[in-house]
Structures are given as structure tokens and as C-alpha cells.
Amino acid sequence: MLTIGTCLWFDDQAEEAARFYTSVFPGSRIVAVTTYPVPTPSDKPVGSTMTVEFELDGRPFTALNGGPEFTFTEAVSIVVRTDDQAGTDRVWDALLEGGGQPGPCGWLKDRFGLSWQVYPARLDELTTDPDRERAARATEAMLQQSKIDIAQIEAAADGV
């Protein structure tokens, strides 16, 4: 069986991050925690957390405590398409808790530095509308926002 997942490299916050992420998304859970059985190049102590296997809405992730050598960049982000504005507001606000930073066009960085794109699925419909002028108005409105406000984008798409 083939499984494809995402590995997130942390210095030493893997367990904290996995607990945080699984608290944000319904249907999520921590699957397993492994510890360093021997000394490794990471210089993490034997017995300390090495990996945390977890699922977000059924999708597999691994959080690795690998050391400070690598950090997150905006070149990789996790996309969360919500059902509606209330879902966007809930996830956006939760991911910003504890020191996250809002970004443009529905992007944000959480307190661990991981980038997320959080927006209502309706945004995709508006920005790819077959009426190219309508799609352009929606896209221009989106470009002015940090957290996506779908009602404002719909109004702009409609020329209001």
C-alpha cells in the first residue's frame, strides 16, 4: 500500500505543534509518538520526542524534532478550503493564536512559522468564473484582503 503524507521539521516543538493542529481541525488525532532510541546527528537527547504521527481531517502528517537547521518558508503552505465564512473565521483565528501572523490573500503563518492558506471554497469559484471580468473583479478584491471576506469578494465580482 502506498501512503503519501507531509513531514514538518521542527527544532523541538513537534509534540506541541501536533497537539495544537489536532485541536484546530475536527476529525483529527495524534496517532503515535516515537522517541530517539540512540544519539543522532540532531543532538536531541535519547528518550526525547523524535516524531509525532498525526492526522488532520484524516490526512497523514509527521512532525519531526530535527533541530534548528531548517525552518519553514512561504514556499510551502497547507491549504484549508472551508465550507463558509464562519469556517474560515474559526480556522484563521485559531491558527493565529499564540503569536501567528496574518499575511495577504488568505495566507498566514502560525506561531511555529508554518504557512497556511485559509479561505472559503467559494473563492475558487469566483476567481475562476467563466466571465473573465467578474473573475478579475473577484481577484482584485481578494488581493486587497488579509483574511478572506467572501461577502466582499462576491459583491466586487457582482460589480457592487
Foldseek 3Di string as FASTA:
>chain_A
DDADAEEAEAQQCQVVVQVLQQVQAPPKDWDDWDFACDDDPLRDDGPGTAWIWMDHNRGIYIYGNRRDPDADDPVDAAEAADQDPVSLVSNVVSQQPPHKAWDALQWIAGPRRHIYRGYHPVLVCQLVPPPNQLNVQLVVQSRVGGRDDVVSSNCSSVVD
